[in-house]
Amino acid sequence: MQAVVLGHAVELPKLTLALSDKMDVVQAAKPGRACYEAQLSFLREVIGADELADMLDGVTIKDVDLQALQMAYIQVTNAYTQPLIDEQIANMSRVTDELKTITAAMGGRQGFKRVK
């Protein structure tokens, strides 16, 4: 899967249960250092240590730009979830189109009777 992370084109591995478990570790980490370290570890595995070091201008948690680290993590996780969101939107559009067709076939009526 292709993604753009901090302006760099990267090839992301497929989303596996093992990778999902690592995302869960990031989500479960306490805010602050533990979370930053979990994000860095996850991104090293997904993007690769050398390429990530170039993106974040550092290797260790003490060296990297923490805002860039967080942005990279968000961009990677968004790259994994975006196809699912796109599919849900496409499904909603199909349902909406079908409802419009049904409504038009009914002559614009809602199909509900007034209850007294």
N, C-alpha and C. Protein backbone atom coordinates (compact mmCIF):
# COMPACT_ATOMS: atom_id res chain seq x y z
N MET A 1 0.85 -1.17 0.00
CA MET A 1 0.00 0.00 0.00
C MET A 1 0.90 1.24 0.00
N GLN A 2 0.65 2.11 -0.93
CA GLN A 2 1.40 3.36 -1.03
C GLN A 2 0.80 4.40 -0.10
N ALA A 3 1.66 5.21 0.51
CA ALA A 3 1.20 6.31 1.35
C ALA A 3 2.24 7.42 1.29
N VAL A 4 1.79 8.61 1.60
CA VAL A 4 2.70 9.74 1.72
C VAL A 4 2.76 10.10 3.20
N VAL A 5 3.97 10.04 3.74
CA VAL A 5 4.19 10.31 5.15
C VAL A 5 5.23 11.41 5.26
N LEU A 6 4.83 12.52 5.82
CA LEU A 6 5.69 13.70 5.96
C LEU A 6 6.34 14.07 4.63
N GLY A 7 5.54 13.97 3.57
CA GLY A 7 6.03 14.34 2.25
C GLY A 7 6.85 13.29 1.54
N HIS A 8 7.04 12.13 2.15
CA HIS A 8 7.82 11.03 1.56
C HIS A 8 6.87 9.92 1.12
N ALA A 9 7.05 9.44 -0.10
CA ALA A 9 6.27 8.29 -0.56
C ALA A 9 6.86 7.04 0.06
N VAL A 10 6.02 6.26 0.70
CA VAL A 10 6.47 5.02 1.34
C VAL A 10 5.54 3.87 0.96
N GLU A 11 6.08 2.69 1.01
CA GLU A 11 5.30 1.47 0.79
C GLU A 11 5.03 0.86 2.15
N LEU A 12 3.76 0.84 2.54
CA LEU A 12 3.39 0.29 3.83
C LEU A 12 3.10 -1.20 3.69
N PRO A 13 3.46 -1.98 4.70
CA PRO A 13 3.12 -3.41 4.65
C PRO A 13 1.62 -3.59 4.83
N LYS A 14 1.13 -4.76 4.46
CA LYS A 14 -0.30 -5.00 4.65
C LYS A 14 -0.62 -5.00 6.15
N LEU A 15 -1.85 -4.65 6.45
CA LEU A 15 -2.30 -4.58 7.84
C LEU A 15 -2.62 -5.99 8.32
N THR A 16 -1.78 -6.48 9.20
CA THR A 16 -1.96 -7.82 9.76
C THR A 16 -2.39 -7.70 11.22
N LEU A 17 -2.75 -8.81 11.80
CA LEU A 17 -3.13 -8.82 13.21
C LEU A 17 -1.94 -8.38 14.07
N ALA A 18 -0.75 -8.82 13.72
CA ALA A 18 0.45 -8.43 14.48
C ALA A 18 0.65 -6.91 14.43
N LEU A 19 0.45 -6.33 13.27
CA LEU A 19 0.60 -4.88 13.13
C LEU A 19 -0.52 -4.15 13.87
N SER A 20 -1.72 -4.69 13.80
CA SER A 20 -2.84 -4.11 14.54
C SER A 20 -2.58 -4.15 16.05
N ASP A 21 -1.98 -5.23 16.52
CA ASP A 21 -1.63 -5.34 17.94
C ASP A 21 -0.65 -4.24 18.34
N LYS A 22 0.28 -3.91 17.45
CA LYS A 22 1.25 -2.85 17.74
C LYS A 22 0.57 -1.48 17.77
N MET A 23 -0.45 -1.30 16.95
CA MET A 23 -1.22 -0.06 17.01
C MET A 23 -1.96 0.03 18.34
N ASP A 24 -2.44 -1.11 18.81
CA ASP A 24 -3.12 -1.15 20.11
C ASP A 24 -2.17 -0.76 21.24
N VAL A 25 -0.91 -1.15 21.13
CA VAL A 25 0.09 -0.78 22.14
C VAL A 25 0.24 0.73 22.19
N VAL A 26 0.26 1.36 21.03
CA VAL A 26 0.37 2.83 20.98
C VAL A 26 -0.86 3.45 21.64
N GLN A 27 -2.03 2.95 21.29
CA GLN A 27 -3.26 3.50 21.85
C GLN A 27 -3.35 3.32 23.36
N ALA A 28 -2.79 2.22 23.86
CA ALA A 28 -2.85 1.92 25.30
C ALA A 28 -1.77 2.66 26.10
N ALA A 29 -0.77 3.18 25.41
CA ALA A 29 0.33 3.85 26.11
C ALA A 29 -0.15 5.14 26.78
N LYS A 30 0.42 5.41 27.93
CA LYS A 30 0.10 6.65 28.63
C LYS A 30 0.64 7.83 27.82
N PRO A 31 -0.08 8.95 27.84
CA PRO A 31 0.40 10.13 27.12
C PRO A 31 1.80 10.52 27.61
N GLY A 32 2.60 11.00 26.69
CA GLY A 32 3.96 11.41 27.03
C GLY A 32 4.98 10.46 26.46
N ARG A 33 6.04 10.28 27.18
CA ARG A 33 7.19 9.51 26.70
C ARG A 33 6.82 8.10 26.24
N ALA A 34 6.00 7.40 27.02
CA ALA A 34 5.63 6.03 26.66
C ALA A 34 4.91 5.99 25.31
N CYS A 35 4.05 6.93 25.09
CA CYS A 35 3.31 7.00 23.83
C CYS A 35 4.26 7.33 22.66
N TYR A 36 5.13 8.30 22.86
CA TYR A 36 6.10 8.66 21.82
C TYR A 36 6.99 7.47 21.47
N GLU A 37 7.44 6.76 22.48
CA GLU A 37 8.31 5.60 22.23
C GLU A 37 7.55 4.50 21.48
N ALA A 38 6.29 4.29 21.84
CA ALA A 38 5.48 3.29 21.15
C ALA A 38 5.24 3.69 19.69
N GLN A 39 4.99 4.97 19.46
CA GLN A 39 4.80 5.46 18.08
C GLN A 39 6.09 5.27 17.28
N LEU A 40 7.21 5.61 17.87
CA LEU A 40 8.49 5.48 17.18
C LEU A 40 8.78 4.02 16.84
N SER A 41 8.53 3.13 17.78
CA SER A 41 8.74 1.70 17.54
C SER A 41 7.85 1.19 16.42
N PHE A 42 6.59 1.58 16.46
CA PHE A 42 5.65 1.17 15.42
C PHE A 42 6.10 1.67 14.05
N LEU A 43 6.45 2.94 13.98
CA LEU A 43 6.84 3.53 12.69
C LEU A 43 8.13 2.93 12.16
N ARG A 44 9.06 2.60 13.04
CA ARG A 44 10.30 1.93 12.59
C ARG A 44 9.97 0.63 11.88
N GLU A 45 9.03 -0.10 12.44
CA GLU A 45 8.66 -1.38 11.84
C GLU A 45 7.93 -1.19 10.52
N VAL A 46 7.06 -0.22 10.45
CA VAL A 46 6.23 -0.02 9.27
C VAL A 46 6.99 0.66 8.14
N ILE A 47 7.74 1.69 8.47
CA ILE A 47 8.43 2.50 7.45
C ILE A 47 9.88 2.05 7.25
N GLY A 48 10.49 1.61 8.31
CA GLY A 48 11.91 1.25 8.26
C GLY A 48 12.72 2.28 9.03
N ALA A 49 13.69 1.81 9.78
CA ALA A 49 14.46 2.69 10.67
C ALA A 49 15.22 3.78 9.92
N ASP A 50 15.87 3.43 8.83
CA ASP A 50 16.69 4.42 8.11
C ASP A 50 15.84 5.51 7.48
N GLU A 51 14.77 5.11 6.80
CA GLU A 51 13.91 6.10 6.16
C GLU A 51 13.22 6.97 7.21
N LEU A 52 12.80 6.36 8.31
CA LEU A 52 12.16 7.11 9.38
C LEU A 52 13.12 8.11 10.00
N ALA A 53 14.38 7.72 10.19
CA ALA A 53 15.38 8.63 10.76
C ALA A 53 15.54 9.86 9.88
N ASP A 54 15.50 9.66 8.56
CA ASP A 54 15.57 10.80 7.63
C ASP A 54 14.34 11.70 7.77
N MET A 55 13.18 11.09 7.90
CA MET A 55 11.94 11.86 8.00
C MET A 55 11.88 12.67 9.29
N LEU A 56 12.33 12.06 10.38
CA LEU A 56 12.20 12.69 11.69
C LEU A 56 13.46 13.42 12.12
N ASP A 57 14.48 13.39 11.27
CA ASP A 57 15.74 14.06 11.55
C ASP A 57 16.32 13.63 12.90
N GLY A 58 16.28 12.33 13.12
CA GLY A 58 16.83 11.79 14.36
C GLY A 58 16.57 10.29 14.43
N VAL A 59 17.23 9.65 15.38
CA VAL A 59 17.14 8.20 15.51
C VAL A 59 16.46 7.81 16.82
N THR A 60 16.84 8.47 17.91
CA THR A 60 16.28 8.11 19.21
C THR A 60 15.15 9.07 19.58
N ILE A 61 14.41 8.68 20.59
CA ILE A 61 13.29 9.51 21.03
C ILE A 61 13.77 10.88 21.50
N LYS A 62 15.01 10.97 21.94
CA LYS A 62 15.57 12.25 22.39
C LYS A 62 15.91 13.17 21.22
N ASP A 63 16.11 12.59 20.03
CA ASP A 63 16.54 13.37 18.86
C ASP A 63 15.39 13.83 17.96
N VAL A 64 14.32 13.04 17.90
CA VAL A 64 13.30 13.30 16.88
C VAL A 64 12.41 14.47 17.26
N ASP A 65 11.82 15.07 16.24
CA ASP A 65 10.82 16.12 16.43
C ASP A 65 9.52 15.42 16.80
N LEU A 66 9.04 15.64 18.01
CA LEU A 66 7.86 14.93 18.50
C LEU A 66 6.60 15.26 17.71
N GLN A 67 6.49 16.48 17.23
CA GLN A 67 5.32 16.82 16.40
C GLN A 67 5.37 16.07 15.08
N ALA A 68 6.55 15.98 14.49
CA ALA A 68 6.70 15.22 13.24
C ALA A 68 6.41 13.75 13.49
N LEU A 69 6.84 13.24 14.62
CA LEU A 69 6.57 11.85 14.99
C LEU A 69 5.07 11.59 15.05
N GLN A 70 4.35 12.46 15.73
CA GLN A 70 2.91 12.29 15.85
C GLN A 70 2.21 12.42 14.49
N MET A 71 2.65 13.37 13.69
CA MET A 71 2.08 13.54 12.35
C MET A 71 2.31 12.29 11.51
N ALA A 72 3.51 11.74 11.57
CA ALA A 72 3.83 10.53 10.81
C ALA A 72 2.94 9.38 11.24
N TYR A 73 2.76 9.23 12.55
CA TYR A 73 1.91 8.15 13.06
C TYR A 73 0.46 8.32 12.58
N ILE A 74 -0.05 9.53 12.66
CA ILE A 74 -1.42 9.80 12.20
C ILE A 74 -1.55 9.53 10.71
N GLN A 75 -0.58 9.96 9.93
CA GLN A 75 -0.65 9.75 8.48
C GLN A 75 -0.61 8.27 8.12
N VAL A 76 0.18 7.50 8.85
CA VAL A 76 0.24 6.05 8.59
C VAL A 76 -1.07 5.38 8.98
N THR A 77 -1.58 5.68 10.17
CA THR A 77 -2.83 5.04 10.58
C THR A 77 -3.99 5.48 9.69
N ASN A 78 -3.99 6.72 9.25
CA ASN A 78 -5.02 7.18 8.32
C ASN A 78 -4.92 6.45 6.99
N ALA A 79 -3.70 6.17 6.54
CA ALA A 79 -3.52 5.45 5.28
C ALA A 79 -4.14 4.05 5.36
N TYR A 80 -4.06 3.44 6.54
CA TYR A 80 -4.67 2.12 6.70
C TYR A 80 -6.19 2.20 6.79
N THR A 81 -6.73 3.23 7.40
CA THR A 81 -8.18 3.30 7.58
C THR A 81 -8.93 3.95 6.42
N GLN A 82 -8.26 4.75 5.61
CA GLN A 82 -8.93 5.49 4.54
C GLN A 82 -9.67 4.59 3.55
N PRO A 83 -9.09 3.46 3.11
CA PRO A 83 -9.86 2.61 2.18
C PRO A 83 -11.17 2.11 2.78
N LEU A 84 -11.19 1.85 4.08
CA LEU A 84 -12.42 1.41 4.74
C LEU A 84 -13.45 2.53 4.77
N ILE A 85 -13.00 3.73 5.06
CA ILE A 85 -13.89 4.89 5.08
C ILE A 85 -14.45 5.14 3.68
N ASP A 86 -13.58 5.06 2.67
CA ASP A 86 -14.03 5.27 1.29
C ASP A 86 -15.09 4.24 0.90
N GLU A 87 -14.91 2.99 1.32
CA GLU A 87 -15.89 1.95 1.00
C GLU A 87 -17.22 2.21 1.70
N GLN A 88 -17.17 2.66 2.95
CA GLN A 88 -18.40 2.97 3.67
C GLN A 88 -19.15 4.13 3.02
N ILE A 89 -18.42 5.14 2.58
CA ILE A 89 -19.04 6.28 1.90
C ILE A 89 -19.66 5.83 0.59
N ALA A 90 -18.96 4.98 -0.15
CA ALA A 90 -19.49 4.47 -1.42
C ALA A 90 -20.77 3.68 -1.17
N ASN A 91 -20.80 2.88 -0.11
CA ASN A 91 -22.01 2.12 0.22
C ASN A 91 -23.15 3.04 0.59
N MET A 92 -22.86 4.08 1.36
CA MET A 92 -23.89 5.04 1.73
C MET A 92 -24.44 5.75 0.50
N SER A 93 -23.57 6.06 -0.44
CA SER A 93 -24.00 6.72 -1.67
C SER A 93 -24.93 5.81 -2.47
N ARG A 94 -24.61 4.52 -2.52
CA ARG A 94 -25.47 3.57 -3.25
C ARG A 94 -26.84 3.48 -2.58
N VAL A 95 -26.87 3.43 -1.27
CA VAL A 95 -28.14 3.36 -0.54
C VAL A 95 -28.95 4.63 -0.78
N THR A 96 -28.29 5.77 -0.72
CA THR A 96 -28.97 7.05 -0.97
C THR A 96 -29.55 7.08 -2.38
N ASP A 97 -28.77 6.62 -3.35
CA ASP A 97 -29.26 6.59 -4.73
C ASP A 97 -30.48 5.66 -4.86
N GLU A 98 -30.44 4.52 -4.20
CA GLU A 98 -31.56 3.59 -4.25
C GLU A 98 -32.81 4.20 -3.61
N LEU A 99 -32.63 4.91 -2.49
CA LEU A 99 -33.76 5.57 -1.84
C LEU A 99 -34.36 6.65 -2.73
N LYS A 100 -33.52 7.38 -3.44
CA LYS A 100 -34.01 8.40 -4.37
C LYS A 100 -34.83 7.74 -5.48
N THR A 101 -34.36 6.60 -5.97
CA THR A 101 -35.07 5.88 -7.03
C THR A 101 -36.43 5.39 -6.52
N ILE A 102 -36.45 4.85 -5.33
CA ILE A 102 -37.70 4.37 -4.74
C ILE A 102 -38.67 5.53 -4.53
N THR A 103 -38.17 6.63 -4.00
CA THR A 103 -39.01 7.80 -3.76
C THR A 103 -39.57 8.34 -5.07
N ALA A 104 -38.74 8.38 -6.11
CA ALA A 104 -39.20 8.86 -7.41
C ALA A 104 -40.26 7.92 -7.98
N ALA A 105 -40.08 6.61 -7.79
CA ALA A 105 -41.05 5.64 -8.29
C ALA A 105 -42.39 5.76 -7.57
N MET A 106 -42.35 6.24 -6.34
CA MET A 106 -43.57 6.42 -5.56
C MET A 106 -44.20 7.77 -5.82
N GLY A 107 -43.67 8.49 -6.76
CA GLY A 107 -44.22 9.80 -7.09
C GLY A 107 -43.84 10.85 -6.08
N GLY A 108 -42.73 10.66 -5.39
CA GLY A 108 -42.26 11.65 -4.43
C GLY A 108 -42.85 11.51 -3.05
N ARG A 109 -43.78 10.56 -2.88
CA ARG A 109 -44.39 10.36 -1.56
C ARG A 109 -43.41 9.66 -0.64
N GLN A 110 -43.52 9.94 0.62
CA GLN A 110 -42.66 9.32 1.61
C GLN A 110 -43.00 7.86 1.83
N GLY A 111 -44.26 7.47 1.62
CA GLY A 111 -44.65 6.11 1.84
C GLY A 111 -45.16 5.85 3.24
N PHE A 112 -45.34 6.90 4.01
CA PHE A 112 -45.84 6.75 5.37
C PHE A 112 -47.23 7.34 5.43
N LYS A 113 -48.12 6.68 6.15
CA LYS A 113 -49.46 7.19 6.33
C LYS A 113 -49.52 7.95 7.66
N ARG A 114 -50.35 8.93 7.65
CA ARG A 114 -50.53 9.73 8.86
C ARG A 114 -51.29 8.92 9.91
N VAL A 115 -50.79 8.90 11.10
CA VAL A 115 -51.44 8.17 12.18
C VAL A 115 -52.22 9.17 13.02
N LYS A 116 -53.50 8.85 13.27
CA LYS A 116 -54.34 9.76 14.06
C LYS A 116 -54.41 9.32 15.48
